[in-house]
Structures are given as C-alpha cells and as structure tokens.
C-alpha cells in the first residue's frame, strides 16, 4: 500500500512552537499519521483516496516540555480520529 500524505497548511491554536521547530512538527505529524493509516486503515469510504480541505479534530493532550516528535505524534493521533481511523 502506498500512502502519499501532504499537509499544506497547519494551524495550531493554544500551543507555542518556535518558528524553527514548525517544520519538524509538521514532518512528525505527516510521518505518524501515514503510519497510523498504513497500520490501522481508514473508513472504507475513504479507500479510493481523498482530499480534505479542512479537518476539525479533538484537542491533543501535550506535556509542557513536549518535543516536536511528541507534539506531532499527539496531533497525528487526534487527526487520525477526526479522519475516521479505526481503533
């Protein structure tokens, strides 16, 4: 299975990520979300490919000292649920 995932624009509210770390957070989100989709799948209605112009997801829980990989992982988990990911 090939998964091509690209996040064009990412808006994070309530979290202060230094400018230099933002690309690392975005890359971590893409990598973790692709892994979740590959391993857990998605709603069958999305199996033919989708483009999602906007996605609301539940808030991610982050530790105060979270690094970019941890931030990305937490956000990916939230997004995966918003996309209808299987548990």
PDB file of N, CA and C in Angstrom:
ATOM      1  N   UNK A   1       0.840  -1.162   0.000  1.00  0.00           N
ATOM      2  CA  UNK A   1       0.000   0.000   0.000  1.00  0.00           C
ATOM      3  C   UNK A   1       0.894   1.237   0.000  1.00  0.00           C
ATOM      4  N   UNK A   2       0.584   2.176  -0.866  1.00  0.00           N
ATOM      5  CA  UNK A   2       1.315   3.429  -0.921  1.00  0.00           C
ATOM      6  C   UNK A   2       0.457   4.524  -0.313  1.00  0.00           C
ATOM      7  N   UNK A   3       1.035   5.284   0.572  1.00  0.00           N
ATOM      8  CA  UNK A   3       0.335   6.407   1.181  1.00  0.00           C
ATOM      9  C   UNK A   3       1.136   7.656   0.884  1.00  0.00           C
ATOM     10  N   UNK A   4       0.495   8.607   0.221  1.00  0.00           N
ATOM     11  CA  UNK A   4       1.104   9.898  -0.068  1.00  0.00           C
ATOM     12  C   UNK A   4       0.322  10.925   0.738  1.00  0.00           C
ATOM     13  N   UNK A   5       0.918  11.439   1.773  1.00  0.00           N
ATOM     14  CA  UNK A   5       0.251  12.357   2.677  1.00  0.00           C
ATOM     15  C   UNK A   5       1.001  13.671   2.685  1.00  0.00           C
ATOM     16  N   UNK A   6       0.275  14.744   2.444  1.00  0.00           N
ATOM     17  CA  UNK A   6       0.886  16.068   2.462  1.00  0.00           C
ATOM     18  C   UNK A   6      -0.050  17.016   3.189  1.00  0.00           C
ATOM     19  N   UNK A   7       0.474  17.709   4.176  1.00  0.00           N
ATOM     20  CA  UNK A   7      -0.283  18.723   4.896  1.00  0.00           C
ATOM     21  C   UNK A   7       0.177  20.071   4.357  1.00  0.00           C
ATOM     22  N   UNK A   8      -0.717  20.741   3.651  1.00  0.00           N
ATOM     23  CA  UNK A   8      -0.361  22.009   3.033  1.00  0.00           C
ATOM     24  C   UNK A   8      -0.296  23.146   4.050  1.00  0.00           C
ATOM     25  N   UNK A   9      -1.270  23.174   4.925  1.00  0.00           N
ATOM     26  CA  UNK A   9      -1.327  24.252   5.911  1.00  0.00           C
ATOM     27  C   UNK A   9      -1.749  23.663   7.249  1.00  0.00           C
ATOM     28  N   UNK A  10      -1.036  24.031   8.279  1.00  0.00           N
ATOM     29  CA  UNK A  10      -1.310  23.523   9.610  1.00  0.00           C
ATOM     30  C   UNK A  10      -1.482  24.704  10.550  1.00  0.00           C
ATOM     31  N   UNK A  11      -2.632  24.772  11.189  1.00  0.00           N
ATOM     32  CA  UNK A  11      -2.910  25.842  12.144  1.00  0.00           C
ATOM     33  C   UNK A  11      -3.008  25.214  13.522  1.00  0.00           C
ATOM     34  N   UNK A  12      -2.135  25.621  14.409  1.00  0.00           N
ATOM     35  CA  UNK A  12      -2.127  25.107  15.773  1.00  0.00           C
ATOM     36  C   UNK A  12      -2.545  26.240  16.708  1.00  0.00           C
ATOM     37  N   UNK A  13      -3.614  26.014  17.432  1.00  0.00           N
ATOM     38  CA  UNK A  13      -4.086  27.010  18.390  1.00  0.00           C
ATOM     39  C   UNK A  13      -3.769  26.547  19.799  1.00  0.00           C
ATOM     40  N   UNK A  14      -3.325  27.461  20.622  1.00  0.00           N
ATOM     41  CA  UNK A  14      -3.073  27.140  22.015  1.00  0.00           C
ATOM     42  C   UNK A  14      -1.742  26.476  22.279  1.00  0.00           C
ATOM     43  N   UNK A  15      -0.855  26.497  21.320  1.00  0.00           N
ATOM     44  CA  UNK A  15       0.465  25.892  21.506  1.00  0.00           C
ATOM     45  C   UNK A  15       1.504  26.819  20.883  1.00  0.00           C
ATOM     46  N   UNK A  16       2.569  27.034  21.600  1.00  0.00           N
ATOM     47  CA  UNK A  16       3.628  27.914  21.126  1.00  0.00           C
ATOM     48  C   UNK A  16       4.790  27.057  20.640  1.00  0.00           C
ATOM     49  N   UNK A  17       4.907  26.941  19.333  1.00  0.00           N
ATOM     50  CA  UNK A  17       6.004  26.176  18.729  1.00  0.00           C
ATOM     51  C   UNK A  17       6.958  27.175  18.091  1.00  0.00           C
ATOM     52  N   UNK A  18       8.215  27.195  18.503  1.00  0.00           N
ATOM     53  CA  UNK A  18       9.174  28.124  17.895  1.00  0.00           C
ATOM     54  C   UNK A  18       9.217  27.941  16.374  1.00  0.00           C
ATOM     55  N   UNK A  19       9.397  29.040  15.677  1.00  0.00           N
ATOM     56  CA  UNK A  19       9.380  29.023  14.209  1.00  0.00           C
ATOM     57  C   UNK A  19      10.305  27.951  13.631  1.00  0.00           C
ATOM     58  N   UNK A  20      11.498  27.818  14.177  1.00  0.00           N
ATOM     59  CA  UNK A  20      12.470  26.849  13.654  1.00  0.00           C
ATOM     60  C   UNK A  20      12.018  25.404  13.850  1.00  0.00           C
ATOM     61  N   UNK A  21      11.119  25.161  14.803  1.00  0.00           N
ATOM     62  CA  UNK A  21      10.657  23.802  15.082  1.00  0.00           C
ATOM     63  C   UNK A  21       9.406  23.418  14.295  1.00  0.00           C
ATOM     64  N   UNK A  22       8.734  24.384  13.696  1.00  0.00           N
ATOM     65  CA  UNK A  22       7.470  24.111  13.000  1.00  0.00           C
ATOM     66  C   UNK A  22       7.596  23.083  11.882  1.00  0.00           C
ATOM     67  N   UNK A  23       8.625  23.153  11.040  1.00  0.00           N
ATOM     68  CA  UNK A  23       8.755  22.116  10.004  1.00  0.00           C
ATOM     69  C   UNK A  23       8.939  20.720  10.595  1.00  0.00           C
ATOM     70  N   UNK A  24       9.596  20.628  11.742  1.00  0.00           N
ATOM     71  CA  UNK A  24       9.807  19.327  12.400  1.00  0.00           C
ATOM     72  C   UNK A  24       8.483  18.778  12.934  1.00  0.00           C
ATOM     73  N   UNK A  25       7.655  19.664  13.475  1.00  0.00           N
ATOM     74  CA  UNK A  25       6.336  19.237  13.958  1.00  0.00           C
ATOM     75  C   UNK A  25       5.497  18.753  12.783  1.00  0.00           C
ATOM     76  N   UNK A  26       5.470  19.515  11.690  1.00  0.00           N
ATOM     77  CA  UNK A  26       4.691  19.123  10.510  1.00  0.00           C
ATOM     78  C   UNK A  26       5.168  17.779   9.957  1.00  0.00           C
ATOM     79  N   UNK A  27       6.477  17.587   9.881  1.00  0.00           N
ATOM     80  CA  UNK A  27       7.027  16.319   9.376  1.00  0.00           C
ATOM     81  C   UNK A  27       6.652  15.162  10.299  1.00  0.00           C
ATOM     82  N   UNK A  28       6.678  15.398  11.596  1.00  0.00           N
ATOM     83  CA  UNK A  28       6.311  14.344  12.548  1.00  0.00           C
ATOM     84  C   UNK A  28       4.833  13.990  12.415  1.00  0.00           C
ATOM     85  N   UNK A  29       3.992  14.992  12.200  1.00  0.00           N
ATOM     86  CA  UNK A  29       2.563  14.728  12.014  1.00  0.00           C
ATOM     87  C   UNK A  29       2.349  13.877  10.765  1.00  0.00           C
ATOM     88  N   UNK A  30       2.951  14.279   9.659  1.00  0.00           N
ATOM     89  CA  UNK A  30       2.792  13.529   8.404  1.00  0.00           C
ATOM     90  C   UNK A  30       3.282  12.094   8.554  1.00  0.00           C
ATOM     91  N   UNK A  31       4.444  11.902   9.145  1.00  0.00           N
ATOM     92  CA  UNK A  31       5.014  10.554   9.277  1.00  0.00           C
ATOM     93  C   UNK A  31       4.148   9.681  10.181  1.00  0.00           C
ATOM     94  N   UNK A  32       3.757  10.215  11.324  1.00  0.00           N
ATOM     95  CA  UNK A  32       2.975   9.426  12.281  1.00  0.00           C
ATOM     96  C   UNK A  32       1.582   9.130  11.742  1.00  0.00           C
ATOM     97  N   UNK A  33       0.960  10.120  11.103  1.00  0.00           N
ATOM     98  CA  UNK A  33      -0.376   9.912  10.550  1.00  0.00           C
ATOM     99  C   UNK A  33      -0.343   8.886   9.414  1.00  0.00           C
ATOM    100  N   UNK A  34       0.655   8.945   8.564  1.00  0.00           N
ATOM    101  CA  UNK A  34       0.789   7.948   7.493  1.00  0.00           C
ATOM    102  C   UNK A  34       0.966   6.550   8.079  1.00  0.00           C
ATOM    103  N   UNK A  35       1.750   6.440   9.137  1.00  0.00           N
ATOM    104  CA  UNK A  35       1.950   5.148   9.794  1.00  0.00           C
ATOM    105  C   UNK A  35       0.641   4.627  10.384  1.00  0.00           C
ATOM    106  N   UNK A  36      -0.124   5.495  11.019  1.00  0.00           N
ATOM    107  CA  UNK A  36      -1.409   5.091  11.591  1.00  0.00           C
ATOM    108  C   UNK A  36      -2.374   4.619  10.504  1.00  0.00           C
ATOM    109  N   UNK A  37      -2.397   5.334   9.393  1.00  0.00           N
ATOM    110  CA  UNK A  37      -3.276   4.949   8.289  1.00  0.00           C
ATOM    111  C   UNK A  37      -2.830   3.608   7.718  1.00  0.00           C
ATOM    112  N   UNK A  38      -1.527   3.445   7.522  1.00  0.00           N
ATOM    113  CA  UNK A  38      -0.996   2.193   6.977  1.00  0.00           C
ATOM    114  C   UNK A  38      -1.317   1.012   7.894  1.00  0.00           C
ATOM    115  N   UNK A  39      -1.154   1.198   9.192  1.00  0.00           N
ATOM    116  CA  UNK A  39      -1.348   0.100  10.139  1.00  0.00           C
ATOM    117  C   UNK A  39      -2.791  -0.118  10.550  1.00  0.00           C
ATOM    118  N   UNK A  40      -3.551   0.953  10.655  1.00  0.00           N
ATOM    119  CA  UNK A  40      -4.915   0.841  11.172  1.00  0.00           C
ATOM    120  C   UNK A  40      -6.007   1.032  10.155  1.00  0.00           C
ATOM    121  N   UNK A  41      -5.658   1.566   8.996  1.00  0.00           N
ATOM    122  CA  UNK A  41      -6.659   1.790   7.969  1.00  0.00           C
ATOM    123  C   UNK A  41      -7.507   3.017   8.243  1.00  0.00           C
ATOM    124  N   UNK A  42      -8.476   3.190   7.363  1.00  0.00           N
ATOM    125  CA  UNK A  42      -9.428   4.291   7.451  1.00  0.00           C
ATOM    126  C   UNK A  42     -10.813   3.765   7.148  1.00  0.00           C
ATOM    127  N   UNK A  43     -11.765   4.612   7.314  1.00  0.00           N
ATOM    128  CA  UNK A  43     -13.136   4.300   6.930  1.00  0.00           C
ATOM    129  C   UNK A  43     -13.113   3.836   5.475  1.00  0.00           C
ATOM    130  N   UNK A  44     -13.773   2.731   5.141  1.00  0.00           N
ATOM    131  CA  UNK A  44     -13.748   2.206   3.771  1.00  0.00           C
ATOM    132  C   UNK A  44     -14.188   3.222   2.707  1.00  0.00           C
ATOM    133  N   UNK A  45     -15.010   4.181   3.080  1.00  0.00           N
ATOM    134  CA  UNK A  45     -15.445   5.208   2.106  1.00  0.00           C
ATOM    135  C   UNK A  45     -14.287   6.083   1.664  1.00  0.00           C
ATOM    136  N   UNK A  46     -13.188   6.055   2.381  1.00  0.00           N
ATOM    137  CA  UNK A  46     -12.028   6.871   2.044  1.00  0.00           C
ATOM    138  C   UNK A  46     -10.950   6.078   1.313  1.00  0.00           C
ATOM    139  N   UNK A  47     -11.204   4.825   1.024  1.00  0.00           N
ATOM    140  CA  UNK A  47     -10.164   3.956   0.473  1.00  0.00           C
ATOM    141  C   UNK A  47      -9.728   4.321  -0.936  1.00  0.00           C
ATOM    142  N   UNK A  48     -10.538   5.057  -1.675  1.00  0.00           N
ATOM    143  CA  UNK A  48     -10.172   5.431  -3.030  1.00  0.00           C
ATOM    144  C   UNK A  48      -9.316   6.670  -3.108  1.00  0.00           C
ATOM    145  N   UNK A  49      -8.987   7.245  -1.989  1.00  0.00           N
ATOM    146  CA  UNK A  49      -8.207   8.477  -1.958  1.00  0.00           C
ATOM    147  C   UNK A  49      -9.112   9.652  -1.644  1.00  0.00           C
ATOM    148  N   UNK A  50      -8.587  10.585  -0.917  1.00  0.00           N
ATOM    149  CA  UNK A  50      -9.374  11.739  -0.526  1.00  0.00           C
ATOM    150  C   UNK A  50      -8.501  12.986  -0.485  1.00  0.00           C
ATOM    151  N   UNK A  51      -9.154  14.112  -0.612  1.00  0.00           N
ATOM    152  CA  UNK A  51      -8.531  15.402  -0.343  1.00  0.00           C
ATOM    153  C   UNK A  51      -9.421  16.050   0.702  1.00  0.00           C
ATOM    154  N   UNK A  52      -8.838  16.446   1.797  1.00  0.00           N
ATOM    155  CA  UNK A  52      -9.604  17.023   2.892  1.00  0.00           C
ATOM    156  C   UNK A  52      -9.202  18.496   3.002  1.00  0.00           C
ATOM    157  N   UNK A  53     -10.095  19.408   2.610  1.00  0.00           N
ATOM    158  CA  UNK A  53      -9.730  20.825   2.645  1.00  0.00           C
ATOM    159  C   UNK A  53      -9.561  21.374   4.056  1.00  0.00           C
ATOM    160  N   UNK A  54     -10.274  20.813   5.005  1.00  0.00           N
ATOM    161  CA  UNK A  54     -10.146  21.231   6.409  1.00  0.00           C
ATOM    162  C   UNK A  54     -10.608  20.077   7.282  1.00  0.00           C
ATOM    163  N   UNK A  55     -10.045  19.986   8.445  1.00  0.00           N
ATOM    164  CA  UNK A  55     -10.396  18.893   9.351  1.00  0.00           C
ATOM    165  C   UNK A  55     -10.392  19.410  10.780  1.00  0.00           C
ATOM    166  N   UNK A  56     -11.506  19.237  11.440  1.00  0.00           N
ATOM    167  CA  UNK A  56     -11.568  19.537  12.863  1.00  0.00           C
ATOM    168  C   UNK A  56     -11.316  18.236  13.607  1.00  0.00           C
ATOM    169  N   UNK A  57     -10.526  18.314  14.619  1.00  0.00           N
ATOM    170  CA  UNK A  57     -10.191  17.118  15.394  1.00  0.00           C
ATOM    171  C   UNK A  57     -10.235  17.476  16.866  1.00  0.00           C
ATOM    172  N   UNK A  58     -10.404  16.474  17.709  1.00  0.00           N
ATOM    173  CA  UNK A  58     -10.401  16.751  19.140  1.00  0.00           C
ATOM    174  C   UNK A  58      -9.044  17.289  19.584  1.00  0.00           C
ATOM    175  N   UNK A  59      -9.035  18.044  20.675  1.00  0.00           N
ATOM    176  CA  UNK A  59      -7.757  18.596  21.156  1.00  0.00           C
ATOM    177  C   UNK A  59      -6.753  17.493  21.486  1.00  0.00           C
ATOM    178  N   UNK A  60      -5.505  17.779  21.212  1.00  0.00           N
ATOM    179  CA  UNK A  60      -4.426  16.855  21.561  1.00  0.00           C
ATOM    180  C   UNK A  60      -3.908  17.221  22.953  1.00  0.00           C
ATOM    181  N   UNK A  61      -3.581  16.230  23.732  1.00  0.00           N
ATOM    182  CA  UNK A  61      -3.017  16.458  25.063  1.00  0.00           C
ATOM    183  C   UNK A  61      -1.499  16.428  24.965  1.00  0.00           C
ATOM    184  N   UNK A  62      -0.869  17.510  25.390  1.00  0.00           N
ATOM    185  CA  UNK A  62       0.581  17.631  25.274  1.00  0.00           C
ATOM    186  C   UNK A  62       1.216  17.921  26.621  1.00  0.00           C
ATOM    187  N   UNK A  63       2.369  17.334  26.846  1.00  0.00           N
ATOM    188  CA  UNK A  63       3.157  17.654  28.037  1.00  0.00           C
ATOM    189  C   UNK A  63       3.777  19.036  27.834  1.00  0.00           C
ATOM    190  N   UNK A  64       3.965  19.804  28.898  1.00  0.00           N
ATOM    191  CA  UNK A  64       4.538  21.148  28.766  1.00  0.00           C
ATOM    192  C   UNK A  64       5.917  21.166  28.106  1.00  0.00           C
ATOM    193  N   UNK A  65       6.690  20.102  28.263  1.00  0.00           N
ATOM    194  CA  UNK A  65       8.041  20.052  27.707  1.00  0.00           C
ATOM    195  C   UNK A  65       8.137  19.156  26.467  1.00  0.00           C
ATOM    196  N   UNK A  66       7.015  18.966  25.777  1.00  0.00           N
ATOM    197  CA  UNK A  66       6.981  18.072  24.615  1.00  0.00           C
ATOM    198  C   UNK A  66       7.906  18.578  23.502  1.00  0.00           C
ATOM    199  N   UNK A  67       8.609  17.639  22.880  1.00  0.00           N
ATOM    200  CA  UNK A  67       9.479  17.979  21.754  1.00  0.00           C
ATOM    201  C   UNK A  67       8.671  17.879  20.457  1.00  0.00           C
ATOM    202  N   UNK A  68       9.220  18.308  19.317  1.00  0.00           N
ATOM    203  CA  UNK A  68       8.464  18.280  18.070  1.00  0.00           C
ATOM    204  C   UNK A  68       7.906  16.905  17.697  1.00  0.00           C
ATOM    205  N   UNK A  69       8.655  15.835  17.946  1.00  0.00           N
ATOM    206  CA  UNK A  69       8.169  14.491  17.624  1.00  0.00           C
ATOM    207  C   UNK A  69       6.965  14.124  18.493  1.00  0.00           C
ATOM    208  N   UNK A  70       7.021  14.482  19.768  1.00  0.00           N
ATOM    209  CA  UNK A  70       5.900  14.189  20.667  1.00  0.00           C
ATOM    210  C   UNK A  70       4.678  15.029  20.313  1.00  0.00           C
ATOM    211  N   UNK A  71       4.907  16.290  19.978  1.00  0.00           N
ATOM    212  CA  UNK A  71       3.804  17.157  19.563  1.00  0.00           C
ATOM    213  C   UNK A  71       3.167  16.594  18.302  1.00  0.00           C
ATOM    214  N   UNK A  72       3.998  16.238  17.330  1.00  0.00           N
ATOM    215  CA  UNK A  72       3.490  15.672  16.079  1.00  0.00           C
ATOM    216  C   UNK A  72       2.719  14.382  16.291  1.00  0.00           C
ATOM    217  N   UNK A  73       3.216  13.516  17.164  1.00  0.00           N
ATOM    218  CA  UNK A  73       2.530  12.258  17.447  1.00  0.00           C
ATOM    219  C   UNK A  73       1.166  12.478  18.076  1.00  0.00           C
ATOM    220  N   UNK A  74       1.096  13.406  19.024  1.00  0.00           N
ATOM    221  CA  UNK A  74      -0.181  13.686  19.685  1.00  0.00           C
ATOM    222  C   UNK A  74      -1.192  14.287  18.710  1.00  0.00           C
ATOM    223  N   UNK A  75      -0.723  15.189  17.868  1.00  0.00           N
ATOM    224  CA  UNK A  75      -1.616  15.805  16.886  1.00  0.00           C
ATOM    225  C   UNK A  75      -2.057  14.776  15.853  1.00  0.00           C
ATOM    226  N   UNK A  76      -1.148  13.913  15.416  1.00  0.00           N
ATOM    227  CA  UNK A  76      -1.498  12.873  14.443  1.00  0.00           C
ATOM    228  C   UNK A  76      -2.581  11.953  15.000  1.00  0.00           C
ATOM    229  N   UNK A  77      -2.472  11.598  16.268  1.00  0.00           N
ATOM    230  CA  UNK A  77      -3.472  10.743  16.898  1.00  0.00           C
ATOM    231  C   UNK A  77      -4.841  11.410  16.859  1.00  0.00           C
ATOM    232  N   UNK A  78      -4.869  12.693  17.148  1.00  0.00           N
ATOM    233  CA  UNK A  78      -6.122  13.442  17.110  1.00  0.00           C
ATOM    234  C   UNK A  78      -6.671  13.505  15.681  1.00  0.00           C
ATOM    235  N   UNK A  79      -5.816  13.803  14.725  1.00  0.00           N
ATOM    236  CA  UNK A  79      -6.253  13.889  13.328  1.00  0.00           C
ATOM    237  C   UNK A  79      -6.760  12.543  12.815  1.00  0.00           C
ATOM    238  N   UNK A  80      -6.081  11.487  13.195  1.00  0.00           N
ATOM    239  CA  UNK A  80      -6.472  10.152  12.758  1.00  0.00           C
ATOM    240  C   UNK A  80      -7.904   9.850  13.210  1.00  0.00           C
ATOM    241  N   UNK A  81      -8.213  10.209  14.443  1.00  0.00           N
ATOM    242  CA  UNK A  81      -9.581  10.040  14.924  1.00  0.00           C
ATOM    243  C   UNK A  81     -10.559  10.912  14.149  1.00  0.00           C
ATOM    244  N   UNK A  82     -10.156  12.121  13.801  1.00  0.00           N
ATOM    245  CA  UNK A  82     -11.001  13.019  13.020  1.00  0.00           C
ATOM    246  C   UNK A  82     -11.246  12.517  11.602  1.00  0.00           C
ATOM    247  N   UNK A  83     -10.319  11.726  11.081  1.00  0.00           N
ATOM    248  CA  UNK A  83     -10.484  11.146   9.728  1.00  0.00           C
ATOM    249  C   UNK A  83     -11.285   9.865   9.739  1.00  0.00           C
ATOM    250  N   UNK A  84     -11.676   9.414  10.905  1.00  0.00           N
ATOM    251  CA  UNK A  84     -12.435   8.174  10.981  1.00  0.00           C
ATOM    252  C   UNK A  84     -11.549   6.959  11.039  1.00  0.00           C
ATOM    253  N   UNK A  85     -10.356   7.124  11.573  1.00  0.00           N
ATOM    254  CA  UNK A  85      -9.429   5.995  11.709  1.00  0.00           C
ATOM    255  C   UNK A  85     -10.010   4.913  12.605  1.00  0.00           C
ATOM    256  N   UNK A  86      -9.673   3.700  12.273  1.00  0.00           N
ATOM    257  CA  UNK A  86     -10.136   2.553  13.070  1.00  0.00           C
ATOM    258  C   UNK A  86      -9.334   2.468  14.341  1.00  0.00           C
ATOM    259  N   UNK A  87      -9.955   2.009  15.372  1.00  0.00           N
ATOM    260  CA  UNK A  87      -9.242   1.831  16.647  1.00  0.00           C
ATOM    261  C   UNK A  87      -8.478   0.526  16.637  1.00  0.00           C
TER     262      UNK A  87
END
